[in-house]
Amino acid sequence: MDASIAAAVRAVLDERGYAGSTVDAVATRAGVSKATIYRRYATKQEMTFAVLLHDLRAAAPADTGSLSGDLRALTAQIATQVRGAGAGNLTGLLADIRADPRLRTRFATTFLPVERRIITTVLDRAIARGELTRAPDPAVVQALLLGPLYSWLIMLDENPTRATELTGLVAAVVTEALTTNLLPTRRSPDAQPGTEPGGPRPPPAPRTSPWPGLNASTEDRPEQRSSMNKTFTAVARVAAAGVCGLAFVAVIGSGTAQAAPQDCRVERDLFGASATCQPDGGSNYVLHLDCFGFYANGPFPMYTIGSYTVLSYPFEPSGQRISAACTGMGPGVVAAATNAYVEVYRG
């Protein structure tokens, strides 16, 4: 029965496109009642997502024996799913989810946890092998894995046959970021913004980078400096695409901005946030913005992928809107906002 419904979904999408597909049309093509479909899927969007990408029974790829191997297998699996779904179908599907708060909530509590659980399984294997010394945040890993693939196959509409090349590059870059402790650690459900389990992040262990030109000073080595610049450009492109992954994750799992004090309204979008605070009798406030992306942590070429904070200028609440952005005001080259809140300015 499930196989016939899945075949009907794909046939209707091929004939009518996502916008023209309906549960009625799928039921007719599959030779079943609508009730049969609704016992499996609550909405057209759930039905389409489960058939084109994955259902709630999706599992992690088989253990390859290494973190890099597991990530290559996972990125290949994601690329196969996205390539088979079609850019037009996924664009319409994600637009529907974004436009309906109930759908966003539904997907954030069903399909998104399945994806995070798969990534957590891969990360936990690496911890058990001793490849990782701490538990990275699966949400950030998910963004870095999805971003380049969705960017290549959907946003940029590039040649899908080259996705295999991209999956290897994505897996290599994410492996490097994980094993050098560049990514934030996994947060407990009740963690406060800016905190991490286990105390402060330990410094990364010294290791040789697989990227040419990044292991020693290049001041007197023009050939290594040229290689480093090319590497920097390539990593920047992958990091930018990784932020596209943050955008995708935000569509079906965006968090709410945290506001304090209570007389402020905080709104967060993908790249920044704004706050409108009513007068309270004299306190100065500051808008706190947590960001993740590709940013400068020193003079060129001191760039990295990770988390950082941007603060607005201190302001006296007057009912006017105050804004902050991850780029422009902060060190980010390309980055996304992950949390925002207002706090009393302490000076």
C-alpha atoms as a PDB file:
ATOM      1  CA  MET A   1       0.000   0.000   0.000  1.00  0.00           C
ATOM      2  CA  ASP A   2       2.746   2.493   0.941  1.00  0.00           C
ATOM      3  CA  ALA A   3       4.616   1.698  -2.271  1.00  0.00           C
ATOM      4  CA  SER A   4       1.538   2.381  -4.384  1.00  0.00           C
ATOM      5  CA  ILE A   5       0.924   5.712  -2.619  1.00  0.00           C
ATOM      6  CA  ALA A   6       4.562   6.736  -3.111  1.00  0.00           C
ATOM      7  CA  ALA A   7       4.398   5.836  -6.803  1.00  0.00           C
ATOM      8  CA  ALA A   8       1.171   7.831  -7.130  1.00  0.00           C
ATOM      9  CA  VAL A   9       2.714  10.895  -5.457  1.00  0.00           C
ATOM     10  CA  ARG A  10       5.635  10.879  -7.885  1.00  0.00           C
ATOM     11  CA  ALA A  11       3.343  10.354 -10.884  1.00  0.00           C
ATOM     12  CA  VAL A  12       1.054  13.242  -9.892  1.00  0.00           C
ATOM     13  CA  LEU A  13       4.029  15.523  -9.297  1.00  0.00           C
ATOM     14  CA  ASP A  14       5.450  14.644 -12.702  1.00  0.00           C
ATOM     15  CA  GLU A  15       2.122  15.430 -14.365  1.00  0.00           C
ATOM     16  CA  ARG A  16       0.922  18.456 -12.427  1.00  0.00           C
ATOM     17  CA  GLY A  17       3.903  19.807 -10.506  1.00  0.00           C
ATOM     18  CA  TYR A  18       3.852  20.481  -6.783  1.00  0.00           C
ATOM     19  CA  ALA A  19       1.329  23.344  -6.947  1.00  0.00           C
ATOM     20  CA  GLY A  20      -1.159  21.218  -8.881  1.00  0.00           C
ATOM     21  CA  SER A  21      -0.840  18.079  -6.772  1.00  0.00           C
ATOM     22  CA  THR A  22      -3.593  17.177  -4.303  1.00  0.00           C
ATOM     23  CA  VAL A  23      -4.404  14.367  -1.919  1.00  0.00           C
ATOM     24  CA  ASP A  24      -7.486  13.634  -4.049  1.00  0.00           C
ATOM     25  CA  ALA A  25      -5.357  13.166  -7.166  1.00  0.00           C
ATOM     26  CA  VAL A  26      -2.898  10.897  -5.342  1.00  0.00           C
ATOM     27  CA  ALA A  27      -5.704   8.793  -3.854  1.00  0.00           C
ATOM     28  CA  THR A  28      -7.306   8.366  -7.275  1.00  0.00           C
ATOM     29  CA  ARG A  29      -4.009   7.408  -8.924  1.00  0.00           C
ATOM     30  CA  ALA A  30      -3.155   4.941  -6.124  1.00  0.00           C
ATOM     31  CA  GLY A  31      -6.659   3.438  -6.111  1.00  0.00           C
ATOM     32  CA  VAL A  32      -7.211   4.110  -2.406  1.00  0.00           C
ATOM     33  CA  SER A  33      -9.471   6.367  -0.361  1.00  0.00           C
ATOM     34  CA  LYS A  34      -8.376   9.738   1.002  1.00  0.00           C
ATOM     35  CA  ALA A  35      -8.905   8.293   4.480  1.00  0.00           C
ATOM     36  CA  THR A  36      -6.213   5.718   3.738  1.00  0.00           C
ATOM     37  CA  ILE A  37      -3.739   8.490   2.944  1.00  0.00           C
ATOM     38  CA  TYR A  38      -4.739  10.643   5.926  1.00  0.00           C
ATOM     39  CA  ARG A  39      -4.150   7.693   8.256  1.00  0.00           C
ATOM     40  CA  ARG A  40      -0.518   7.895   7.164  1.00  0.00           C
ATOM     41  CA  TYR A  41      -0.005  11.620   6.548  1.00  0.00           C
ATOM     42  CA  ALA A  42      -1.729  14.580   8.160  1.00  0.00           C
ATOM     43  CA  THR A  43      -1.287  16.904   5.161  1.00  0.00           C
ATOM     44  CA  LYS A  44      -0.266  17.026   1.511  1.00  0.00           C
ATOM     45  CA  GLN A  45       3.032  18.531   2.638  1.00  0.00           C
ATOM     46  CA  GLU A  46       3.850  15.636   4.970  1.00  0.00           C
ATOM     47  CA  MET A  47       2.962  13.140   2.262  1.00  0.00           C
ATOM     48  CA  THR A  48       5.179  14.899  -0.270  1.00  0.00           C
ATOM     49  CA  PHE A  49       8.125  15.295   2.131  1.00  0.00           C
ATOM     50  CA  ALA A  50       7.974  11.644   3.220  1.00  0.00           C
ATOM     51  CA  VAL A  51       7.929  10.375  -0.365  1.00  0.00           C
ATOM     52  CA  LEU A  52      10.502  12.746  -1.883  1.00  0.00           C
ATOM     53  CA  LEU A  53      12.993  12.971   1.002  1.00  0.00           C
ATOM     54  CA  HIS A  54      12.444  10.650   3.951  1.00  0.00           C
ATOM     55  CA  ASP A  55       9.780   9.428   6.334  1.00  0.00           C
ATOM     56  CA  LEU A  56       9.866   9.149  10.107  1.00  0.00           C
ATOM     57  CA  ARG A  57      11.605   5.763   9.929  1.00  0.00           C
ATOM     58  CA  ALA A  58      14.764   7.097   8.266  1.00  0.00           C
ATOM     59  CA  ALA A  59      17.993   5.734   9.749  1.00  0.00           C
ATOM     60  CA  ALA A  60      21.660   6.652   9.736  1.00  0.00           C
ATOM     61  CA  PRO A  61      23.885   5.119   7.059  1.00  0.00           C
ATOM     62  CA  ALA A  62      25.800   1.975   7.975  1.00  0.00           C
ATOM     63  CA  ASP A  63      28.902   2.464  10.110  1.00  0.00           C
ATOM     64  CA  THR A  64      31.901   2.855   7.775  1.00  0.00           C
ATOM     65  CA  GLY A  65      34.445   2.785  10.589  1.00  0.00           C
ATOM     66  CA  SER A  66      35.413   6.463  10.437  1.00  0.00           C
ATOM     67  CA  LEU A  67      33.843   9.901  10.826  1.00  0.00           C
ATOM     68  CA  SER A  68      34.900  10.994   7.342  1.00  0.00           C
ATOM     69  CA  GLY A  69      33.463   7.816   5.830  1.00  0.00           C
ATOM     70  CA  ASP A  70      30.163   8.207   7.689  1.00  0.00           C
ATOM     71  CA  LEU A  71      29.877  11.850   6.593  1.00  0.00           C
ATOM     72  CA  ARG A  72      30.607  10.934   2.976  1.00  0.00           C
ATOM     73  CA  ALA A  73      27.875   8.290   3.123  1.00  0.00           C
ATOM     74  CA  LEU A  74      25.439  10.722   4.751  1.00  0.00           C
ATOM     75  CA  THR A  75      26.084  13.550   2.286  1.00  0.00           C
ATOM     76  CA  ALA A  76      25.722  11.109  -0.610  1.00  0.00           C
ATOM     77  CA  GLN A  77      22.391   9.988   0.843  1.00  0.00           C
ATOM     78  CA  ILE A  78      21.194  13.595   1.184  1.00  0.00           C
ATOM     79  CA  ALA A  79      22.316  14.443  -2.347  1.00  0.00           C
ATOM     80  CA  THR A  80      20.436  11.451  -3.765  1.00  0.00           C
ATOM     81  CA  GLN A  81      17.253  12.472  -1.965  1.00  0.00           C
ATOM     82  CA  VAL A  82      17.431  16.128  -2.998  1.00  0.00           C
ATOM     83  CA  ARG A  83      18.405  15.382  -6.597  1.00  0.00           C
ATOM     84  CA  GLY A  84      15.516  12.922  -6.947  1.00  0.00           C
ATOM     85  CA  ALA A  85      12.984  15.311  -5.420  1.00  0.00           C
ATOM     86  CA  GLY A  86      13.413  18.055  -8.019  1.00  0.00           C
ATOM     87  CA  ALA A  87      14.072  21.733  -7.414  1.00  0.00           C
ATOM     88  CA  GLY A  88      10.559  22.865  -8.328  1.00  0.00           C
ATOM     89  CA  ASN A  89       8.864  20.392  -6.001  1.00  0.00           C
ATOM     90  CA  LEU A  90      11.098  21.215  -3.027  1.00  0.00           C
ATOM     91  CA  THR A  91      10.823  24.963  -3.570  1.00  0.00           C
ATOM     92  CA  GLY A  92       7.026  24.765  -3.451  1.00  0.00           C
ATOM     93  CA  LEU A  93       7.034  22.404  -0.492  1.00  0.00           C
ATOM     94  CA  LEU A  94       9.346  24.574   1.620  1.00  0.00           C
ATOM     95  CA  ALA A  95       7.372  27.697   0.719  1.00  0.00           C
ATOM     96  CA  ASP A  96       4.189  26.034   2.005  1.00  0.00           C
ATOM     97  CA  ILE A  97       5.879  25.039   5.256  1.00  0.00           C
ATOM     98  CA  ARG A  98       7.300  28.510   5.760  1.00  0.00           C
ATOM     99  CA  ALA A  99       3.947  30.199   5.148  1.00  0.00           C
ATOM    100  CA  ASP A 100       1.965  28.175   7.708  1.00  0.00           C
ATOM    101  CA  PRO A 101       3.001  28.314  11.401  1.00  0.00           C
ATOM    102  CA  ARG A 102       1.164  25.059  12.097  1.00  0.00           C
ATOM    103  CA  LEU A 103       3.068  23.268   9.368  1.00  0.00           C
ATOM    104  CA  ARG A 104       6.359  24.703  10.639  1.00  0.00           C
ATOM    105  CA  THR A 105       5.607  23.433  14.122  1.00  0.00           C
ATOM    106  CA  ARG A 106       4.539  20.048  12.811  1.00  0.00           C
ATOM    107  CA  PHE A 107       7.690  19.567  10.750  1.00  0.00           C
ATOM    108  CA  ALA A 108       9.908  20.899  13.546  1.00  0.00           C
ATOM    109  CA  THR A 109       8.532  18.237  15.891  1.00  0.00           C
ATOM    110  CA  THR A 110       8.481  15.297  13.456  1.00  0.00           C
ATOM    111  CA  PHE A 111      10.825  15.265  10.468  1.00  0.00           C
ATOM    112  CA  LEU A 112      13.492  17.607  11.852  1.00  0.00           C
ATOM    113  CA  PRO A 113      14.192  15.489  14.980  1.00  0.00           C
ATOM    114  CA  VAL A 114      14.636  12.434  12.731  1.00  0.00           C
ATOM    115  CA  GLU A 115      17.367  14.235  10.769  1.00  0.00           C
ATOM    116  CA  ARG A 116      19.056  15.473  13.945  1.00  0.00           C
ATOM    117  CA  ARG A 117      18.923  11.956  15.405  1.00  0.00           C
ATOM    118  CA  ILE A 118      20.689  10.545  12.333  1.00  0.00           C
ATOM    119  CA  ILE A 119      23.434  13.160  12.627  1.00  0.00           C
ATOM    120  CA  THR A 120      23.749  12.542  16.372  1.00  0.00           C
ATOM    121  CA  THR A 121      24.214   8.835  15.683  1.00  0.00           C
ATOM    122  CA  VAL A 122      27.107   9.604  13.315  1.00  0.00           C
ATOM    123  CA  LEU A 123      28.689  11.993  15.837  1.00  0.00           C
ATOM    124  CA  ASP A 124      28.288   9.552  18.738  1.00  0.00           C
ATOM    125  CA  ARG A 125      30.045   6.862  16.712  1.00  0.00           C
ATOM    126  CA  ALA A 126      32.993   9.216  16.223  1.00  0.00           C
ATOM    127  CA  ILE A 127      33.100   9.981  19.958  1.00  0.00           C
ATOM    128  CA  ALA A 128      33.099   6.254  20.742  1.00  0.00           C
ATOM    129  CA  ARG A 129      36.014   5.724  18.330  1.00  0.00           C
ATOM    130  CA  GLY A 130      37.969   8.589  19.911  1.00  0.00           C
ATOM    131  CA  GLU A 131      37.850  10.737  16.770  1.00  0.00           C
ATOM    132  CA  LEU A 132      35.952  13.489  18.614  1.00  0.00           C
ATOM    133  CA  THR A 133      36.578  14.646  22.173  1.00  0.00           C
ATOM    134  CA  ARG A 134      33.212  16.342  22.693  1.00  0.00           C
ATOM    135  CA  ALA A 135      29.656  16.260  21.374  1.00  0.00           C
ATOM    136  CA  PRO A 136      29.085  18.872  18.630  1.00  0.00           C
ATOM    137  CA  ASP A 137      25.723  20.531  18.105  1.00  0.00           C
ATOM    138  CA  PRO A 138      23.865  18.372  15.520  1.00  0.00           C
ATOM    139  CA  ALA A 139      21.830  21.386  14.350  1.00  0.00           C
ATOM    140  CA  VAL A 140      24.986  23.178  13.200  1.00  0.00           C
ATOM    141  CA  VAL A 141      26.360  20.024  11.560  1.00  0.00           C
ATOM    142  CA  GLN A 142      23.037  19.593   9.780  1.00  0.00           C
ATOM    143  CA  ALA A 143      23.223  23.133   8.418  1.00  0.00           C
ATOM    144  CA  LEU A 144      26.755  22.633   7.109  1.00  0.00           C
ATOM    145  CA  LEU A 145      25.847  19.347   5.423  1.00  0.00           C
ATOM    146  CA  LEU A 146      22.584  20.513   3.872  1.00  0.00           C
ATOM    147  CA  GLY A 147      23.639  23.992   2.825  1.00  0.00           C
ATOM    148  CA  PRO A 148      26.032  23.274  -0.040  1.00  0.00           C
ATOM    149  CA  LEU A 149      23.842  20.477  -1.415  1.00  0.00           C
ATOM    150  CA  TYR A 150      20.631  22.511  -1.381  1.00  0.00           C
ATOM    151  CA  SER A 151      22.518  25.488  -2.758  1.00  0.00           C
ATOM    152  CA  TRP A 152      23.989  23.492  -5.650  1.00  0.00           C
ATOM    153  CA  LEU A 153      20.929  21.441  -6.558  1.00  0.00           C
ATOM    154  CA  ILE A 154      18.077  23.867  -5.844  1.00  0.00           C
ATOM    155  CA  MET A 155      19.118  27.491  -5.399  1.00  0.00           C
ATOM    156  CA  LEU A 156      21.847  27.583  -8.061  1.00  0.00           C
ATOM    157  CA  ASP A 157      20.304  24.845 -10.230  1.00  0.00           C
ATOM    158  CA  GLU A 158      23.750  23.527 -11.142  1.00  0.00           C
ATOM    159  CA  ASN A 159      24.568  20.281 -12.939  1.00  0.00           C
ATOM    160  CA  PRO A 160      23.235  17.490 -10.667  1.00  0.00           C
ATOM    161  CA  THR A 161      25.740  14.969 -12.034  1.00  0.00           C
ATOM    162  CA  ARG A 162      28.508  16.920 -10.278  1.00  0.00           C
ATOM    163  CA  ALA A 163      26.868  16.527  -6.873  1.00  0.00           C
ATOM    164  CA  THR A 164      29.123  13.533  -6.200  1.00  0.00           C
ATOM    165  CA  GLU A 165      32.181  15.811  -6.304  1.00  0.00           C
ATOM    166  CA  LEU A 166      30.492  18.216  -3.930  1.00  0.00           C
ATOM    167  CA  THR A 167      29.540  15.550  -1.396  1.00  0.00           C
ATOM    168  CA  GLY A 168      33.195  14.596  -0.965  1.00  0.00           C
ATOM    169  CA  LEU A 169      34.235  18.218  -0.466  1.00  0.00           C
ATOM    170  CA  VAL A 170      31.421  18.889   2.013  1.00  0.00           C
ATOM    171  CA  ALA A 171      32.288  15.777   4.015  1.00  0.00           C
ATOM    172  CA  ALA A 172      35.989  16.756   4.102  1.00  0.00           C
ATOM    173  CA  VAL A 173      35.310  20.335   5.243  1.00  0.00           C
ATOM    174  CA  VAL A 174      32.824  19.295   7.938  1.00  0.00           C
ATOM    175  CA  THR A 175      35.177  16.555   9.158  1.00  0.00           C
ATOM    176  CA  GLU A 176      37.943  19.135   9.505  1.00  0.00           C
ATOM    177  CA  ALA A 177      35.654  21.539  11.374  1.00  0.00           C
ATOM    178  CA  LEU A 178      34.543  18.780  13.747  1.00  0.00           C
ATOM    179  CA  THR A 179      37.958  17.298  14.508  1.00  0.00           C
ATOM    180  CA  THR A 180      39.509  20.713  15.172  1.00  0.00           C
ATOM    181  CA  ASN A 181      36.705  21.690  17.589  1.00  0.00           C
ATOM    182  CA  LEU A 182      35.526  24.637  15.486  1.00  0.00           C
ATOM    183  CA  LEU A 183      31.837  23.879  16.000  1.00  0.00           C
ATOM    184  CA  PRO A 184      29.756  24.609  19.107  1.00  0.00           C
ATOM    185  CA  THR A 185      28.957  21.770  21.475  1.00  0.00           C
ATOM    186  CA  ARG A 186      25.617  20.058  21.839  1.00  0.00           C
ATOM    187  CA  ARG A 187      23.266  22.000  24.087  1.00  0.00           C
ATOM    188  CA  SER A 188      20.974  20.477  26.656  1.00  0.00           C
ATOM    189  CA  PRO A 189      17.266  21.306  26.200  1.00  0.00           C
ATOM    190  CA  ASP A 190      17.308  23.765  29.103  1.00  0.00           C
ATOM    191  CA  ALA A 191      20.652  25.423  28.265  1.00  0.00           C
ATOM    192  CA  GLN A 192      20.713  29.199  28.431  1.00  0.00           C
ATOM    193  CA  PRO A 193      21.910  31.242  25.447  1.00  0.00           C
ATOM    194  CA  GLY A 194      25.680  31.430  25.317  1.00  0.00           C
ATOM    195  CA  THR A 195      26.244  28.437  27.605  1.00  0.00           C
ATOM    196  CA  GLU A 196      27.679  25.060  26.696  1.00  0.00           C
ATOM    197  CA  PRO A 197      27.620  21.757  28.550  1.00  0.00           C
ATOM    198  CA  GLY A 198      30.782  20.832  30.351  1.00  0.00           C
ATOM    199  CA  GLY A 199      32.048  24.361  30.892  1.00  0.00           C
ATOM    200  CA  PRO A 200      34.247  26.411  28.571  1.00  0.00           C
ATOM    201  CA  ARG A 201      35.223  24.962  25.221  1.00  0.00           C
ATOM    202  CA  PRO A 202      38.664  23.319  25.339  1.00  0.00           C
ATOM    203  CA  PRO A 203      41.276  24.634  22.915  1.00  0.00           C
ATOM    204  CA  PRO A 204      41.675  22.497  19.801  1.00  0.00           C
ATOM    205  CA  ALA A 205      44.532  20.025  19.873  1.00  0.00           C
ATOM    206  CA  PRO A 206      47.515  20.918  17.685  1.00  0.00           C
ATOM    207  CA  ARG A 207      47.293  19.086  14.381  1.00  0.00           C
ATOM    208  CA  THR A 208      48.430  19.421  10.800  1.00  0.00           C
ATOM    209  CA  SER A 209      45.822  20.907   8.497  1.00  0.00           C
ATOM    210  CA  PRO A 210      45.060  18.987   5.277  1.00  0.00           C
ATOM    211  CA  TRP A 211      44.686  22.328   3.473  1.00  0.00           C
ATOM    212  CA  PRO A 212      47.932  23.549   1.870  1.00  0.00           C
ATOM    213  CA  GLY A 213      49.452  26.758   3.104  1.00  0.00           C
ATOM    214  CA  LEU A 214      47.759  26.868   6.501  1.00  0.00           C
ATOM    215  CA  ASN A 215      50.420  25.136   8.615  1.00  0.00           C
ATOM    216  CA  ALA A 216      53.120  27.813   8.755  1.00  0.00           C
ATOM    217  CA  SER A 217      53.846  31.423   7.990  1.00  0.00           C
ATOM    218  CA  THR A 218      53.494  32.213   4.285  1.00  0.00           C
ATOM    219  CA  GLU A 219      55.112  35.626   4.515  1.00  0.00           C
ATOM    220  CA  ASP A 220      58.136  34.565   2.455  1.00  0.00           C
ATOM    221  CA  ARG A 221      56.474  31.840   0.394  1.00  0.00           C
ATOM    222  CA  PRO A 222      54.537  33.287  -2.563  1.00  0.00           C
ATOM    223  CA  GLU A 223      53.589  29.848  -3.875  1.00  0.00           C
ATOM    224  CA  GLN A 224      52.027  28.837  -0.536  1.00  0.00           C
ATOM    225  CA  ARG A 225      50.329  32.215  -0.203  1.00  0.00           C
ATOM    226  CA  SER A 226      48.732  31.697  -3.641  1.00  0.00           C
ATOM    227  CA  SER A 227      47.629  28.205  -2.645  1.00  0.00           C
ATOM    228  CA  MET A 228      46.253  29.559   0.638  1.00  0.00           C
ATOM    229  CA  ASN A 229      44.272  32.242  -1.163  1.00  0.00           C
ATOM    230  CA  LYS A 230      42.716  29.621  -3.440  1.00  0.00           C
ATOM    231  CA  THR A 231      41.908  27.474  -0.428  1.00  0.00           C
ATOM    232  CA  PHE A 232      40.406  30.481   1.362  1.00  0.00           C
ATOM    233  CA  THR A 233      38.171  31.177  -1.652  1.00  0.00           C
ATOM    234  CA  ALA A 234      36.993  27.579  -1.858  1.00  0.00           C
ATOM    235  CA  VAL A 235      36.266  27.375   1.862  1.00  0.00           C
ATOM    236  CA  ALA A 236      34.424  30.690   1.726  1.00  0.00           C
ATOM    237  CA  ARG A 237      32.157  29.326  -0.978  1.00  0.00           C
ATOM    238  CA  VAL A 238      31.418  26.190   0.999  1.00  0.00           C
ATOM    239  CA  ALA A 239      30.825  28.254   4.142  1.00  0.00           C
ATOM    240  CA  ALA A 240      28.447  30.521   2.250  1.00  0.00           C
ATOM    241  CA  ALA A 241      26.557  27.506   1.032  1.00  0.00           C
ATOM    242  CA  GLY A 242      26.537  26.195   4.594  1.00  0.00           C
ATOM    243  CA  VAL A 243      24.668  29.308   5.635  1.00  0.00           C
ATOM    244  CA  CYS A 244      22.102  28.406   2.984  1.00  0.00           C
ATOM    245  CA  GLY A 245      21.699  25.265   5.072  1.00  0.00           C
ATOM    246  CA  LEU A 246      20.970  27.416   8.083  1.00  0.00           C
ATOM    247  CA  ALA A 247      18.322  29.097   5.979  1.00  0.00           C
ATOM    248  CA  PHE A 248      16.770  25.733   5.128  1.00  0.00           C
ATOM    249  CA  VAL A 249      16.817  24.603   8.739  1.00  0.00           C
ATOM    250  CA  ALA A 250      15.251  27.913   9.759  1.00  0.00           C
ATOM    251  CA  VAL A 251      12.330  27.198   7.423  1.00  0.00           C
ATOM    252  CA  ILE A 252      11.186  24.133   9.336  1.00  0.00           C
ATOM    253  CA  GLY A 253      12.859  24.623  12.701  1.00  0.00           C
ATOM    254  CA  SER A 254      13.354  28.287  13.459  1.00  0.00           C
ATOM    255  CA  GLY A 255      13.610  29.158  17.134  1.00  0.00           C
ATOM    256  CA  THR A 256      11.935  32.096  18.768  1.00  0.00           C
ATOM    257  CA  ALA A 257      14.012  35.063  19.834  1.00  0.00           C
ATOM    258  CA  GLN A 258      14.393  35.410  23.573  1.00  0.00           C
ATOM    259  CA  ALA A 259      13.516  38.808  24.979  1.00  0.00           C
ATOM    260  CA  ALA A 260      14.318  40.274  28.355  1.00  0.00           C
ATOM    261  CA  PRO A 261      13.261  42.623  29.846  1.00  0.00           C
ATOM    262  CA  GLN A 262       9.588  41.970  29.213  1.00  0.00           C
ATOM    263  CA  ASP A 263       8.796  45.409  27.759  1.00  0.00           C
ATOM    264  CA  CYS A 264      10.703  44.558  24.558  1.00  0.00           C
ATOM    265  CA  ARG A 265       9.610  42.838  21.402  1.00  0.00           C
ATOM    266  CA  VAL A 266      12.419  41.034  19.575  1.00  0.00           C
ATOM    267  CA  GLU A 267      12.136  39.799  15.989  1.00  0.00           C
ATOM    268  CA  ARG A 268      14.818  37.628  14.407  1.00  0.00           C
ATOM    269  CA  ASP A 269      15.297  36.770  10.748  1.00  0.00           C
ATOM    270  CA  LEU A 270      18.002  34.718   9.092  1.00  0.00           C
ATOM    271  CA  PHE A 271      20.747  37.362   9.125  1.00  0.00           C
ATOM    272  CA  GLY A 272      19.931  39.649  12.059  1.00  0.00           C
ATOM    273  CA  ALA A 273      17.373  40.872  14.554  1.00  0.00           C
ATOM    274  CA  SER A 274      15.528  43.961  15.704  1.00  0.00           C
ATOM    275  CA  ALA A 275      14.068  45.052  19.032  1.00  0.00           C
ATOM    276  CA  THR A 276      11.389  47.539  19.972  1.00  0.00           C
ATOM    277  CA  CYS A 277      11.430  48.453  23.653  1.00  0.00           C
ATOM    278  CA  GLN A 278       9.021  50.693  25.506  1.00  0.00           C
ATOM    279  CA  PRO A 279      10.322  53.376  27.915  1.00  0.00           C
ATOM    280  CA  ASP A 280      10.970  52.015  31.399  1.00  0.00           C
ATOM    281  CA  GLY A 281      12.251  55.039  33.272  1.00  0.00           C
ATOM    282  CA  GLY A 282      15.946  55.282  32.581  1.00  0.00           C
ATOM    283  CA  SER A 283      17.606  51.905  31.889  1.00  0.00           C
ATOM    284  CA  ASN A 284      19.826  51.500  28.864  1.00  0.00           C
ATOM    285  CA  TYR A 285      19.502  48.290  26.855  1.00  0.00           C
ATOM    286  CA  VAL A 286      21.598  46.395  24.315  1.00  0.00           C
ATOM    287  CA  LEU A 287      20.443  43.951  21.631  1.00  0.00           C
ATOM    288  CA  HIS A 288      22.433  40.708  21.877  1.00  0.00           C
ATOM    289  CA  LEU A 289      22.735  38.655  18.677  1.00  0.00           C
ATOM    290  CA  ASP A 290      24.240  35.156  18.479  1.00  0.00           C
ATOM    291  CA  CYS A 291      25.583  34.286  15.015  1.00  0.00           C
ATOM    292  CA  PHE A 292      27.103  31.300  13.282  1.00  0.00           C
ATOM    293  CA  GLY A 293      29.022  31.332  10.021  1.00  0.00           C
ATOM    294  CA  PHE A 294      32.271  32.256   8.318  1.00  0.00           C
ATOM    295  CA  TYR A 295      33.926  35.180  10.087  1.00  0.00           C
ATOM    296  CA  ALA A 296      37.192  36.986  10.745  1.00  0.00           C
ATOM    297  CA  ASN A 297      38.870  36.347  14.091  1.00  0.00           C
ATOM    298  CA  GLY A 298      42.006  38.336  13.277  1.00  0.00           C
ATOM    299  CA  PRO A 299      43.849  39.818  10.280  1.00  0.00           C
ATOM    300  CA  PHE A 300      43.681  38.002   6.968  1.00  0.00           C
ATOM    301  CA  PRO A 301      43.872  34.999   6.638  1.00  0.00           C
ATOM    302  CA  MET A 302      42.583  34.469  10.187  1.00  0.00           C
ATOM    303  CA  TYR A 303      39.080  33.290   9.269  1.00  0.00           C
ATOM    304  CA  THR A 304      37.113  30.458  10.793  1.00  0.00           C
ATOM    305  CA  ILE A 305      33.695  28.811  10.834  1.00  0.00           C
ATOM    306  CA  GLY A 306      31.933  28.998  14.177  1.00  0.00           C
ATOM    307  CA  SER A 307      29.850  31.009  16.625  1.00  0.00           C
ATOM    308  CA  TYR A 308      30.292  34.641  17.617  1.00  0.00           C
ATOM    309  CA  THR A 309      28.315  37.467  19.221  1.00  0.00           C
ATOM    310  CA  VAL A 310      27.250  40.863  17.928  1.00  0.00           C
ATOM    311  CA  LEU A 311      25.979  43.625  20.234  1.00  0.00           C
ATOM    312  CA  SER A 312      24.075  46.703  19.189  1.00  0.00           C
ATOM    313  CA  TYR A 313      25.024  50.129  20.459  1.00  0.00           C
ATOM    314  CA  PRO A 314      23.540  50.791  23.919  1.00  0.00           C
ATOM    315  CA  PHE A 315      20.187  52.491  23.580  1.00  0.00           C
ATOM    316  CA  GLU A 316      17.568  54.062  25.778  1.00  0.00           C
ATOM    317  CA  PRO A 317      14.181  52.438  25.128  1.00  0.00           C
ATOM    318  CA  SER A 318      11.832  54.852  23.382  1.00  0.00           C
ATOM    319  CA  GLY A 319       9.547  52.668  21.280  1.00  0.00           C
ATOM    320  CA  GLN A 320      11.848  52.963  18.276  1.00  0.00           C
ATOM    321  CA  ARG A 321      13.164  49.925  16.457  1.00  0.00           C
ATOM    322  CA  ILE A 322      16.838  48.997  17.007  1.00  0.00           C
ATOM    323  CA  SER A 323      18.575  46.541  14.663  1.00  0.00           C
ATOM    324  CA  ALA A 324      21.722  44.404  14.624  1.00  0.00           C
ATOM    325  CA  ALA A 325      23.130  42.140  11.900  1.00  0.00           C
ATOM    326  CA  CYS A 326      25.627  39.292  11.816  1.00  0.00           C
ATOM    327  CA  THR A 327      27.509  40.955   8.958  1.00  0.00           C
ATOM    328  CA  GLY A 328      28.347  44.628   8.643  1.00  0.00           C
ATOM    329  CA  MET A 329      28.192  45.312  12.397  1.00  0.00           C
ATOM    330  CA  GLY A 330      30.079  42.131  13.251  1.00  0.00           C
ATOM    331  CA  PRO A 331      33.075  40.206  11.894  1.00  0.00           C
ATOM    332  CA  GLY A 332      31.016  37.872   9.741  1.00  0.00           C
ATOM    333  CA  VAL A 333      31.744  37.396   6.046  1.00  0.00           C
ATOM    334  CA  VAL A 334      28.659  35.233   5.632  1.00  0.00           C
ATOM    335  CA  ALA A 335      26.687  34.183   8.666  1.00  0.00           C
ATOM    336  CA  ALA A 336      23.219  33.521  10.058  1.00  0.00           C
ATOM    337  CA  ALA A 337      21.536  34.620  13.268  1.00  0.00           C
ATOM    338  CA  THR A 338      20.809  31.755  15.673  1.00  0.00           C
ATOM    339  CA  ASN A 339      19.387  33.659  18.659  1.00  0.00           C
ATOM    340  CA  ALA A 340      18.595  37.199  19.785  1.00  0.00           C
ATOM    341  CA  TYR A 341      17.533  38.874  23.010  1.00  0.00           C
ATOM    342  CA  VAL A 342      17.642  42.204  24.822  1.00  0.00           C
ATOM    343  CA  GLU A 343      19.470  42.713  28.081  1.00  0.00           C
ATOM    344  CA  VAL A 344      20.109  45.653  30.381  1.00  0.00           C
ATOM    345  CA  TYR A 345      23.332  47.428  29.432  1.00  0.00           C
ATOM    346  CA  ARG A 346      25.866  47.049  32.265  1.00  0.00           C
ATOM    347  CA  GLY A 347      28.495  49.425  30.909  1.00  0.00           C
END
